Amino acid sequence: MATHLRFFSPCRVPAASFTRLFLPSSASKVSAAGLPPLPLRRSLRSKPMSTAATNSEMVDSDPAKNEKPVGGGGGGGGGDEEVIVQYVVLRRDLIDAWPMGSVVTQGCHAAVAAIWSHRDDAHTVRYCAPENIDSMHKVTLEVKGETQMLNLAEKLKGGGIAHKLWIEQPENIPTCIATKPYPKSEVASFFKKLKLCK
């Protein structure tokens, strides 16, 4: 009898098909870049979303509540306030060796961890305020590999820039850095030599 992975209640995918579709052919080996493959957990569980959560645009009946903030999008709504930004830095070697979804997940982990760890910080509160939630600013950059990632983490630490270096477990692989939200002028200089992630 074939083993099946359940994603949604009406859909079943044979495990063999799943691994053929979503894992590189060399999934059990070390990649050409010398990196171990990112393991996939066998128990993928999802919960049905509520009707409200599936609606991408929640519109209030009061037109004044539906207006977008003017000016600082992600920065507070005042026209003269500086934009608040969160920097996310990924590793190019992992982008080339791992499935794209796995790398994106690493960035998500780091970004959420950085925000949650600094949830009481004034910039984070403003960045995540209800009136700014739909106009957040993130800059996603890349470094070549682990050495550059660790060097950047040290540079940020030395400069007093709060950040999260995400280390994937149990492999103990540093995969991503995300800063807490900052006014762009306070942190841009730390990232000026990095390339945009493409």
Protein backbone atom coordinates (compact mmCIF):
# COMPACT_ATOMS: atom_id res chain seq x y z
CA MET A 1 0.00 0.00 0.00
CA ALA A 2 1.44 3.40 -1.00
CA THR A 3 2.30 5.94 1.65
CA HIS A 4 0.49 9.25 1.18
CA LEU A 5 1.19 12.74 2.47
CA ARG A 6 -1.91 14.78 3.26
CA PHE A 7 -1.80 18.47 2.38
CA PHE A 8 -5.49 19.31 2.34
CA SER A 9 -8.31 16.97 3.21
CA PRO A 10 -9.48 16.40 -0.41
CA CYS A 11 -5.99 15.92 -1.88
CA ARG A 12 -3.56 13.04 -1.40
CA VAL A 13 -0.12 12.86 -2.97
CA PRO A 14 1.89 9.63 -2.98
CA ALA A 15 5.12 10.11 -1.01
CA ALA A 16 7.22 8.87 -3.94
CA SER A 17 5.68 11.49 -6.24
CA PHE A 18 6.20 14.21 -3.65
CA THR A 19 9.92 13.50 -3.30
CA ARG A 20 10.32 13.26 -7.09
CA LEU A 21 8.59 16.62 -7.59
CA PHE A 22 9.98 18.66 -4.74
CA LEU A 23 13.39 17.29 -3.86
CA PRO A 24 16.47 17.68 -6.04
CA SER A 25 17.71 14.40 -7.53
CA SER A 26 20.74 14.56 -5.26
CA ALA A 27 18.67 15.14 -2.11
CA SER A 28 20.41 12.39 -0.19
CA LYS A 29 23.87 13.63 -1.14
CA VAL A 30 25.84 16.77 -0.43
CA SER A 31 25.20 19.42 -3.09
CA ALA A 32 27.78 20.62 -5.59
CA ALA A 33 28.28 23.66 -3.35
CA GLY A 34 29.27 21.30 -0.50
CA LEU A 35 26.09 22.01 1.46
CA PRO A 36 23.87 19.33 2.97
CA PRO A 37 20.33 19.30 1.61
CA LEU A 38 17.65 20.87 3.76
CA PRO A 39 15.62 17.98 5.20
CA LEU A 40 11.87 17.93 4.69
CA ARG A 41 9.80 16.92 7.66
CA ARG A 42 7.45 14.05 6.89
CA SER A 43 4.50 15.34 8.90
CA LEU A 44 3.14 18.35 7.09
CA ARG A 45 0.09 19.61 8.92
CA SER A 46 -2.14 22.42 7.87
CA LYS A 47 -5.22 23.79 9.50
CA PRO A 48 -8.12 25.18 7.50
CA MET A 49 -8.13 28.97 7.38
CA SER A 50 -11.12 30.87 8.65
CA THR A 51 -13.22 32.71 6.10
CA ALA A 52 -11.93 36.04 7.40
CA ALA A 53 -8.30 34.94 7.09
CA THR A 54 -8.71 33.93 3.46
CA ASN A 55 -10.05 37.34 2.47
CA SER A 56 -6.95 39.21 1.32
CA GLU A 57 -8.55 42.65 1.56
CA MET A 58 -10.65 43.30 4.65
CA VAL A 59 -12.58 46.51 4.03
CA ASP A 60 -14.32 48.38 6.82
CA SER A 61 -17.68 49.99 6.15
CA ASP A 62 -16.29 53.34 7.39
CA PRO A 63 -14.44 54.93 4.39
CA ALA A 64 -12.12 56.91 6.69
CA LYS A 65 -10.72 53.64 8.08
CA ASN A 66 -9.91 52.36 4.57
CA GLU A 67 -7.60 55.22 3.60
CA LYS A 68 -3.92 54.40 3.24
CA PRO A 69 -1.48 56.34 5.44
CA VAL A 70 0.11 59.30 3.69
CA GLY A 71 3.87 59.59 3.51
CA GLY A 72 6.03 57.21 5.50
CA GLY A 73 4.42 53.85 4.54
CA GLY A 74 5.68 51.53 7.26
CA GLY A 75 6.98 54.62 8.96
CA GLY A 76 4.03 56.06 10.79
CA GLY A 77 1.76 57.96 8.44
CA GLY A 78 3.25 61.45 8.83
CA GLY A 79 4.60 62.93 5.59
CA ASP A 80 7.84 64.10 7.22
CA GLU A 81 8.61 60.90 9.14
CA GLU A 82 11.39 58.69 7.85
CA VAL A 83 10.60 55.29 6.36
CA ILE A 84 11.05 52.36 8.73
CA VAL A 85 12.67 49.37 7.03
CA GLN A 86 13.62 45.80 7.90
CA TYR A 87 16.67 44.32 6.20
CA VAL A 88 16.73 40.59 5.37
CA VAL A 89 19.96 39.01 4.11
CA LEU A 90 20.03 35.55 2.52
CA ARG A 91 22.93 33.33 1.39
CA ARG A 92 23.47 33.02 -2.38
CA ASP A 93 25.04 29.56 -2.01
CA LEU A 94 21.86 28.28 -0.34
CA ILE A 95 19.67 29.93 -2.98
CA ASP A 96 21.59 27.95 -5.60
CA ALA A 97 21.62 24.66 -3.65
CA TRP A 98 18.29 24.47 -1.81
CA PRO A 99 14.69 24.63 -3.05
CA MET A 100 13.56 28.26 -3.28
CA GLY A 101 10.74 27.67 -0.79
CA SER A 102 13.22 26.47 1.83
CA VAL A 103 15.36 29.59 1.45
CA VAL A 104 12.31 31.87 1.60
CA THR A 105 11.27 30.07 4.78
CA GLN A 106 14.65 30.84 6.35
CA GLY A 107 14.11 34.54 5.63
CA CYS A 108 10.63 34.38 7.12
CA HIS A 109 11.95 32.72 10.28
CA ALA A 110 14.62 35.39 10.75
CA ALA A 111 12.26 38.31 10.00
CA VAL A 112 9.55 37.10 12.40
CA ALA A 113 12.11 36.30 15.11
CA ALA A 114 13.69 39.77 14.82
CA ILE A 115 10.32 41.49 15.04
CA TRP A 116 9.04 39.34 17.90
CA SER A 117 12.28 39.73 19.89
CA HIS A 118 11.90 43.53 19.63
CA ARG A 119 8.10 43.75 19.76
CA ASP A 120 8.17 46.48 22.42
CA ASP A 121 10.67 48.66 20.53
CA ALA A 122 9.14 51.96 19.33
CA HIS A 123 10.22 51.42 15.70
CA THR A 124 8.85 47.87 15.67
CA VAL A 125 5.55 49.01 17.16
CA ARG A 126 5.26 51.70 14.48
CA TYR A 127 6.29 49.28 11.70
CA CYS A 128 3.62 46.77 12.76
CA ALA A 129 0.90 49.31 13.62
CA PRO A 130 -2.49 48.55 12.02
CA GLU A 131 -2.31 51.65 9.84
CA ASN A 132 1.12 50.58 8.48
CA ILE A 133 0.69 46.81 8.26
CA ASP A 134 -0.13 46.90 4.53
CA SER A 135 2.79 49.15 3.62
CA MET A 136 5.80 47.56 5.32
CA HIS A 137 9.21 48.12 3.75
CA LYS A 138 11.73 45.27 3.58
CA VAL A 139 15.01 45.17 1.68
CA THR A 140 16.18 41.67 0.78
CA LEU A 141 19.88 41.34 0.06
CA GLU A 142 22.35 38.50 -0.39
CA VAL A 143 25.84 37.48 0.67
CA LYS A 144 27.98 34.79 -0.99
CA GLY A 145 28.05 32.24 1.81
CA GLU A 146 28.41 31.36 5.46
CA THR A 147 31.65 33.29 6.07
CA GLN A 148 30.16 36.52 4.73
CA MET A 149 26.97 35.92 6.75
CA LEU A 150 28.93 35.51 9.99
CA ASN A 151 31.09 38.55 9.19
CA LEU A 152 27.96 40.66 8.62
CA ALA A 153 26.50 39.44 11.93
CA GLU A 154 29.69 40.57 13.72
CA LYS A 155 29.63 43.93 11.92
CA LEU A 156 26.00 44.51 12.97
CA LYS A 157 26.74 43.44 16.54
CA GLY A 158 29.73 45.80 16.68
CA GLY A 159 27.57 48.65 15.37
CA GLY A 160 24.84 48.02 17.93
CA ILE A 161 22.31 47.02 15.25
CA ALA A 162 19.72 44.62 16.69
CA HIS A 163 19.26 41.61 14.43
CA LYS A 164 18.54 37.89 14.35
CA LEU A 165 21.01 35.47 12.83
CA TRP A 166 18.81 32.48 12.01
CA ILE A 167 20.60 29.16 12.50
CA GLU A 168 18.72 26.21 11.04
CA GLN A 169 18.56 23.26 13.43
CA PRO A 170 19.48 20.49 13.87
CA GLU A 171 21.99 21.09 11.06
CA ASN A 172 23.41 24.17 12.83
CA ILE A 173 23.62 26.14 9.56
CA PRO A 174 23.51 29.96 9.69
CA THR A 175 21.04 30.76 6.89
CA CYS A 176 19.75 34.32 7.22
CA ILE A 177 20.01 37.64 9.04
CA ALA A 178 17.11 39.99 9.65
CA THR A 179 17.28 43.30 11.48
CA LYS A 180 14.57 44.67 13.68
CA PRO A 181 12.78 47.56 11.94
CA TYR A 182 14.88 50.76 11.86
CA PRO A 183 14.72 54.16 10.19
CA LYS A 184 16.56 53.55 6.92
CA SER A 185 19.18 56.24 7.58
CA GLU A 186 20.31 54.45 10.77
CA VAL A 187 21.16 51.13 9.11
CA ALA A 188 21.60 51.59 5.35
CA SER A 189 25.37 52.10 5.65
CA PHE A 190 25.81 48.56 7.05
CA PHE A 191 24.33 47.06 3.88
CA LYS A 192 25.56 49.39 1.11
CA LYS A 193 28.10 46.87 -0.28
CA LEU A 194 25.57 44.02 -0.56
CA LYS A 195 23.62 43.11 -3.69
CA LEU A 196 19.86 42.93 -3.94
CA CYS A 197 18.72 39.32 -3.81
CA LYS A 198 17.46 38.28 -7.26
